[in-house]
C-alpha atoms as a PDB file:
ATOM      1  CA  UNK A   1     -38.203 -27.710   6.246  1.00  0.00           C
ATOM      2  CA  UNK A   2     -38.908 -30.794   8.345  1.00  0.00           C
ATOM      3  CA  UNK A   3     -36.726 -33.645   7.096  1.00  0.00           C
ATOM      4  CA  UNK A   4     -37.063 -35.695  10.293  1.00  0.00           C
ATOM      5  CA  UNK A   5     -33.401 -35.274  11.284  1.00  0.00           C
ATOM      6  CA  UNK A   6     -32.483 -34.311  14.827  1.00  0.00           C
ATOM      7  CA  UNK A   7     -30.226 -31.246  15.043  1.00  0.00           C
ATOM      8  CA  UNK A   8     -28.536 -29.205  17.744  1.00  0.00           C
ATOM      9  CA  UNK A   9     -30.795 -26.980  19.838  1.00  0.00           C
ATOM     10  CA  UNK A  10     -29.092 -23.704  18.844  1.00  0.00           C
ATOM     11  CA  UNK A  11     -30.488 -23.670  15.306  1.00  0.00           C
ATOM     12  CA  UNK A  12     -33.091 -21.002  14.580  1.00  0.00           C
ATOM     13  CA  UNK A  13     -34.803 -22.824  11.733  1.00  0.00           C
ATOM     14  CA  UNK A  14     -33.375 -20.719   8.898  1.00  0.00           C
ATOM     15  CA  UNK A  15     -32.025 -22.453   5.804  1.00  0.00           C
ATOM     16  CA  UNK A  16     -28.639 -20.711   6.012  1.00  0.00           C
ATOM     17  CA  UNK A  17     -28.158 -21.849   9.604  1.00  0.00           C
ATOM     18  CA  UNK A  18     -29.313 -25.417   8.841  1.00  0.00           C
ATOM     19  CA  UNK A  19     -26.901 -25.662   5.909  1.00  0.00           C
ATOM     20  CA  UNK A  20     -24.017 -24.334   8.032  1.00  0.00           C
ATOM     21  CA  UNK A  21     -24.831 -26.786  10.816  1.00  0.00           C
ATOM     22  CA  UNK A  22     -25.192 -29.757   8.475  1.00  0.00           C
ATOM     23  CA  UNK A  23     -22.101 -29.148   6.332  1.00  0.00           C
ATOM     24  CA  UNK A  24     -19.532 -27.117   8.252  1.00  0.00           C
ATOM     25  CA  UNK A  25     -20.003 -26.698  12.014  1.00  0.00           C
ATOM     26  CA  UNK A  26     -17.980 -29.273  13.907  1.00  0.00           C
ATOM     27  CA  UNK A  27     -16.169 -30.625  10.843  1.00  0.00           C
ATOM     28  CA  UNK A  28     -12.429 -30.823  11.634  1.00  0.00           C
ATOM     29  CA  UNK A  29     -10.636 -28.045   9.745  1.00  0.00           C
ATOM     30  CA  UNK A  30      -6.906 -28.410   9.112  1.00  0.00           C
ATOM     31  CA  UNK A  31      -6.269 -25.655   6.574  1.00  0.00           C
ATOM     32  CA  UNK A  32      -4.356 -22.796   8.235  1.00  0.00           C
ATOM     33  CA  UNK A  33      -5.921 -20.043   6.133  1.00  0.00           C
ATOM     34  CA  UNK A  34      -9.437 -21.363   6.720  1.00  0.00           C
ATOM     35  CA  UNK A  35      -8.806 -21.640  10.469  1.00  0.00           C
ATOM     36  CA  UNK A  36      -7.555 -18.050  10.550  1.00  0.00           C
ATOM     37  CA  UNK A  37     -10.519 -16.781   8.489  1.00  0.00           C
ATOM     38  CA  UNK A  38     -12.949 -18.410  10.874  1.00  0.00           C
ATOM     39  CA  UNK A  39     -11.139 -16.979  13.898  1.00  0.00           C
ATOM     40  CA  UNK A  40     -11.399 -13.485  12.403  1.00  0.00           C
ATOM     41  CA  UNK A  41     -15.104 -13.991  11.654  1.00  0.00           C
ATOM     42  CA  UNK A  42     -15.691 -15.220  15.207  1.00  0.00           C
ATOM     43  CA  UNK A  43     -14.015 -12.027  16.433  1.00  0.00           C
ATOM     44  CA  UNK A  44     -16.385  -9.961  14.304  1.00  0.00           C
ATOM     45  CA  UNK A  45     -19.290 -11.942  15.754  1.00  0.00           C
ATOM     46  CA  UNK A  46     -18.520 -10.779  19.325  1.00  0.00           C
ATOM     47  CA  UNK A  47     -21.661  -9.121  20.672  1.00  0.00           C
ATOM     48  CA  UNK A  48     -23.732 -10.213  17.672  1.00  0.00           C
ATOM     49  CA  UNK A  49     -25.492 -13.377  16.581  1.00  0.00           C
ATOM     50  CA  UNK A  50     -23.656 -15.849  14.355  1.00  0.00           C
ATOM     51  CA  UNK A  51     -26.473 -15.648  11.794  1.00  0.00           C
ATOM     52  CA  UNK A  52     -25.460 -12.000  11.221  1.00  0.00           C
ATOM     53  CA  UNK A  53     -21.962 -13.120  10.238  1.00  0.00           C
ATOM     54  CA  UNK A  54     -23.245 -15.989   8.091  1.00  0.00           C
ATOM     55  CA  UNK A  55     -25.443 -13.613   6.104  1.00  0.00           C
ATOM     56  CA  UNK A  56     -22.485 -11.252   5.574  1.00  0.00           C
ATOM     57  CA  UNK A  57     -19.847 -13.942   5.027  1.00  0.00           C
ATOM     58  CA  UNK A  58     -19.517 -13.560   1.249  1.00  0.00           C
ATOM     59  CA  UNK A  59     -19.196  -9.789   1.632  1.00  0.00           C
ATOM     60  CA  UNK A  60     -16.500 -10.347   4.277  1.00  0.00           C
ATOM     61  CA  UNK A  61     -14.580 -12.691   1.972  1.00  0.00           C
ATOM     62  CA  UNK A  62     -14.680 -10.117  -0.810  1.00  0.00           C
ATOM     63  CA  UNK A  63     -13.856  -7.140   1.423  1.00  0.00           C
ATOM     64  CA  UNK A  64     -10.983  -9.000   3.095  1.00  0.00           C
ATOM     65  CA  UNK A  65      -9.544 -10.243  -0.222  1.00  0.00           C
ATOM     66  CA  UNK A  66     -10.160 -13.913   0.500  1.00  0.00           C
ATOM     67  CA  UNK A  67      -8.685 -13.504   3.989  1.00  0.00           C
ATOM     68  CA  UNK A  68      -5.151 -13.526   2.605  1.00  0.00           C
ATOM     69  CA  UNK A  69      -3.143 -12.605   5.720  1.00  0.00           C
ATOM     70  CA  UNK A  70      -0.162 -11.362   3.699  1.00  0.00           C
ATOM     71  CA  UNK A  71      -2.346  -8.799   1.917  1.00  0.00           C
ATOM     72  CA  UNK A  72      -4.265  -7.787   5.038  1.00  0.00           C
ATOM     73  CA  UNK A  73      -1.027  -7.324   7.007  1.00  0.00           C
ATOM     74  CA  UNK A  74      -0.070  -4.457   4.664  1.00  0.00           C
ATOM     75  CA  UNK A  75      -3.315  -2.521   5.138  1.00  0.00           C
ATOM     76  CA  UNK A  76      -3.365   0.941   6.645  1.00  0.00           C
ATOM     77  CA  UNK A  77      -5.837   3.654   7.594  1.00  0.00           C
ATOM     78  CA  UNK A  78      -7.205   4.042   4.048  1.00  0.00           C
ATOM     79  CA  UNK A  79      -8.176   0.362   4.089  1.00  0.00           C
ATOM     80  CA  UNK A  80      -9.791   0.736   7.514  1.00  0.00           C
ATOM     81  CA  UNK A  81     -11.863   3.652   6.182  1.00  0.00           C
ATOM     82  CA  UNK A  82     -12.772   1.641   3.060  1.00  0.00           C
ATOM     83  CA  UNK A  83     -14.064  -1.204   5.240  1.00  0.00           C
ATOM     84  CA  UNK A  84     -15.909   1.149   7.580  1.00  0.00           C
ATOM     85  CA  UNK A  85     -17.819   2.409   4.530  1.00  0.00           C
ATOM     86  CA  UNK A  86     -18.760  -1.126   3.399  1.00  0.00           C
ATOM     87  CA  UNK A  87     -22.376  -1.893   4.420  1.00  0.00           C
ATOM     88  CA  UNK A  88     -21.908  -5.567   3.547  1.00  0.00           C
ATOM     89  CA  UNK A  89     -19.756  -6.278   6.590  1.00  0.00           C
ATOM     90  CA  UNK A  90     -19.831  -5.513  10.306  1.00  0.00           C
ATOM     91  CA  UNK A  91     -18.421  -1.973  10.461  1.00  0.00           C
ATOM     92  CA  UNK A  92     -16.519  -1.822  13.720  1.00  0.00           C
ATOM     93  CA  UNK A  93     -13.183   0.006  13.772  1.00  0.00           C
ATOM     94  CA  UNK A  94     -11.765  -2.062  16.633  1.00  0.00           C
ATOM     95  CA  UNK A  95     -12.577  -5.363  14.961  1.00  0.00           C
ATOM     96  CA  UNK A  96     -11.215  -4.194  11.601  1.00  0.00           C
ATOM     97  CA  UNK A  97      -7.939  -2.996  13.076  1.00  0.00           C
ATOM     98  CA  UNK A  98      -7.747  -6.229  15.102  1.00  0.00           C
ATOM     99  CA  UNK A  99      -8.029  -8.248  11.866  1.00  0.00           C
ATOM    100  CA  UNK A 100      -5.050  -6.331  10.443  1.00  0.00           C
ATOM    101  CA  UNK A 101      -3.087  -6.795  13.661  1.00  0.00           C
ATOM    102  CA  UNK A 102      -4.028 -10.484  13.700  1.00  0.00           C
ATOM    103  CA  UNK A 103      -2.730 -10.916  10.146  1.00  0.00           C
ATOM    104  CA  UNK A 104       0.667  -9.660  11.308  1.00  0.00           C
ATOM    105  CA  UNK A 105       0.530 -11.907  14.389  1.00  0.00           C
ATOM    106  CA  UNK A 106      -0.309 -14.895  12.187  1.00  0.00           C
ATOM    107  CA  UNK A 107       2.632 -14.224   9.886  1.00  0.00           C
ATOM    108  CA  UNK A 108       4.977 -14.065  12.897  1.00  0.00           C
ATOM    109  CA  UNK A 109       3.531 -17.288  14.342  1.00  0.00           C
ATOM    110  CA  UNK A 110       3.882 -19.124  11.032  1.00  0.00           C
ATOM    111  CA  UNK A 111       7.624 -18.443  11.001  1.00  0.00           C
ATOM    112  CA  UNK A 112       7.712 -21.067  13.781  1.00  0.00           C
ATOM    113  CA  UNK A 113       4.988 -23.510  12.665  1.00  0.00           C
ATOM    114  CA  UNK A 114       1.797 -23.671  10.657  1.00  0.00           C
ATOM    115  CA  UNK A 115      -1.258 -22.100  12.241  1.00  0.00           C
ATOM    116  CA  UNK A 116      -3.014 -25.447  11.876  1.00  0.00           C
ATOM    117  CA  UNK A 117      -0.321 -27.352  13.805  1.00  0.00           C
ATOM    118  CA  UNK A 118      -0.296 -24.632  16.442  1.00  0.00           C
ATOM    119  CA  UNK A 119      -4.084 -24.679  16.950  1.00  0.00           C
ATOM    120  CA  UNK A 120      -4.444 -28.444  16.934  1.00  0.00           C
ATOM    121  CA  UNK A 121      -1.634 -28.806  19.496  1.00  0.00           C
ATOM    122  CA  UNK A 122      -4.016 -27.388  22.122  1.00  0.00           C
ATOM    123  CA  UNK A 123      -6.274 -30.437  21.750  1.00  0.00           C
ATOM    124  CA  UNK A 124      -3.509 -33.008  21.275  1.00  0.00           C
ATOM    125  CA  UNK A 125      -4.065 -33.146  17.507  1.00  0.00           C
ATOM    126  CA  UNK A 126      -7.445 -34.863  17.829  1.00  0.00           C
ATOM    127  CA  UNK A 127     -10.906 -33.332  18.270  1.00  0.00           C
ATOM    128  CA  UNK A 128     -12.299 -33.355  21.780  1.00  0.00           C
ATOM    129  CA  UNK A 129     -15.591 -35.260  21.747  1.00  0.00           C
ATOM    130  CA  UNK A 130     -18.313 -33.440  23.648  1.00  0.00           C
ATOM    131  CA  UNK A 131     -21.104 -35.127  25.576  1.00  0.00           C
ATOM    132  CA  UNK A 132     -23.929 -32.673  25.011  1.00  0.00           C
ATOM    133  CA  UNK A 133     -27.392 -33.911  25.928  1.00  0.00           C
ATOM    134  CA  UNK A 134     -29.027 -30.603  26.940  1.00  0.00           C
ATOM    135  CA  UNK A 135     -28.299 -26.965  26.033  1.00  0.00           C
ATOM    136  CA  UNK A 136     -26.871 -26.320  29.486  1.00  0.00           C
ATOM    137  CA  UNK A 137     -24.254 -29.068  28.909  1.00  0.00           C
ATOM    138  CA  UNK A 138     -22.534 -26.957  26.242  1.00  0.00           C
ATOM    139  CA  UNK A 139     -19.888 -24.789  27.959  1.00  0.00           C
ATOM    140  CA  UNK A 140     -19.093 -21.211  26.968  1.00  0.00           C
ATOM    141  CA  UNK A 141     -15.373 -21.838  27.421  1.00  0.00           C
ATOM    142  CA  UNK A 142     -13.007 -24.566  28.591  1.00  0.00           C
ATOM    143  CA  UNK A 143      -9.518 -24.989  29.979  1.00  0.00           C
ATOM    144  CA  UNK A 144      -8.267 -25.605  26.416  1.00  0.00           C
ATOM    145  CA  UNK A 145      -9.960 -22.499  24.997  1.00  0.00           C
ATOM    146  CA  UNK A 146      -8.609 -20.402  27.880  1.00  0.00           C
ATOM    147  CA  UNK A 147      -5.067 -21.702  27.291  1.00  0.00           C
ATOM    148  CA  UNK A 148      -5.273 -21.094  23.532  1.00  0.00           C
ATOM    149  CA  UNK A 149      -6.780 -17.640  24.064  1.00  0.00           C
ATOM    150  CA  UNK A 150      -4.030 -16.704  26.510  1.00  0.00           C
ATOM    151  CA  UNK A 151      -1.305 -17.843  24.121  1.00  0.00           C
ATOM    152  CA  UNK A 152      -2.884 -16.092  21.128  1.00  0.00           C
ATOM    153  CA  UNK A 153      -3.043 -12.844  23.100  1.00  0.00           C
ATOM    154  CA  UNK A 154       0.587 -13.264  24.163  1.00  0.00           C
ATOM    155  CA  UNK A 155       1.441 -13.519  20.459  1.00  0.00           C
ATOM    156  CA  UNK A 156      -0.407 -10.285  19.659  1.00  0.00           C
ATOM    157  CA  UNK A 157      -3.826 -11.576  18.555  1.00  0.00           C
ATOM    158  CA  UNK A 158      -6.903  -9.549  19.490  1.00  0.00           C
ATOM    159  CA  UNK A 159     -10.637 -10.328  19.800  1.00  0.00           C
ATOM    160  CA  UNK A 160      -9.740 -13.855  20.857  1.00  0.00           C
ATOM    161  CA  UNK A 161     -11.016 -14.224  24.403  1.00  0.00           C
ATOM    162  CA  UNK A 162     -11.713 -17.739  25.736  1.00  0.00           C
ATOM    163  CA  UNK A 163     -15.434 -17.613  24.800  1.00  0.00           C
ATOM    164  CA  UNK A 164     -14.711 -16.486  21.224  1.00  0.00           C
ATOM    165  CA  UNK A 165     -11.973 -19.114  20.957  1.00  0.00           C
ATOM    166  CA  UNK A 166     -14.294 -21.844  22.239  1.00  0.00           C
ATOM    167  CA  UNK A 167     -17.010 -20.934  19.709  1.00  0.00           C
ATOM    168  CA  UNK A 168     -14.301 -21.049  17.029  1.00  0.00           C
ATOM    169  CA  UNK A 169     -13.043 -24.441  18.292  1.00  0.00           C
ATOM    170  CA  UNK A 170     -16.589 -25.800  18.016  1.00  0.00           C
ATOM    171  CA  UNK A 171     -17.048 -24.356  14.521  1.00  0.00           C
ATOM    172  CA  UNK A 172     -13.713 -25.732  13.274  1.00  0.00           C
ATOM    173  CA  UNK A 173     -14.154 -29.174  14.786  1.00  0.00           C
ATOM    174  CA  UNK A 174     -11.365 -28.982  17.341  1.00  0.00           C
ATOM    175  CA  UNK A 175     -14.279 -29.839  19.612  1.00  0.00           C
ATOM    176  CA  UNK A 176     -17.247 -31.909  18.482  1.00  0.00           C
ATOM    177  CA  UNK A 177     -20.056 -30.268  20.434  1.00  0.00           C
ATOM    178  CA  UNK A 178     -22.930 -31.547  18.342  1.00  0.00           C
ATOM    179  CA  UNK A 179     -25.559 -32.934  20.683  1.00  0.00           C
ATOM    180  CA  UNK A 180     -25.246 -36.686  21.107  1.00  0.00           C
ATOM    181  CA  UNK A 181     -28.646 -37.128  19.448  1.00  0.00           C
ATOM    182  CA  UNK A 182     -27.824 -34.784  16.553  1.00  0.00           C
ATOM    183  CA  UNK A 183     -27.488 -36.481  13.184  1.00  0.00           C
ATOM    184  CA  UNK A 184     -24.093 -34.751  12.723  1.00  0.00           C
ATOM    185  CA  UNK A 185     -22.451 -35.969  15.942  1.00  0.00           C
ATOM    186  CA  UNK A 186     -21.350 -39.368  14.655  1.00  0.00           C
ATOM    187  CA  UNK A 187     -20.130 -38.218  11.207  1.00  0.00           C
ATOM    188  CA  UNK A 188     -18.034 -35.493  12.861  1.00  0.00           C
ATOM    189  CA  UNK A 189     -16.736 -37.986  15.428  1.00  0.00           C
ATOM    190  CA  UNK A 190     -15.657 -40.335  12.646  1.00  0.00           C
ATOM    191  CA  UNK A 191     -13.967 -37.527  10.707  1.00  0.00           C
ATOM    192  CA  UNK A 192     -12.045 -36.585  13.836  1.00  0.00           C
ATOM    193  CA  UNK A 193     -10.902 -40.151  14.459  1.00  0.00           C
ATOM    194  CA  UNK A 194      -9.182 -40.417  11.052  1.00  0.00           C
ATOM    195  CA  UNK A 195      -5.520 -39.516  10.853  1.00  0.00           C
ATOM    196  CA  UNK A 196      -4.772 -36.226   9.170  1.00  0.00           C
END
């Protein structure tokens, strides 16, 4: 579909990707559960393309019971085997067990503060505005993503290296890395400038 709008260079032309780009990617997310869900999905994406995760997202939501960390934290080997037999999701034992471990880490973290407050503290509470003109301007990781990754790992989170964390920060709008000429840059910038 050619609607005449300029979009980021990473789109592959598929409708599902275009919709994700135009409605979700880069929009500041402040809901703790949604932030955690997206971090888990970004962990599952490691080594794969994001379109793979997008196509399986509904199956992930169903298989992971709406990404309720309190439910996932109680899962054991039978649940791991159940998920490994589910063709609707990415079947990777390490990533599945990491999601369970991450649910427990999240619960521990939220005894101190909300996951949202914790995550947003790494960018000073306001989205970082990127200055992307060309594909090579978009970094794979930053000082902020490295610091957040290091702290998450210290708290027991897995599959959260600085590159995964940076992709997650972009997706959740902690960073607005839409290209400056993309039709979504300015709307996301304005959303990020409003007080929470």
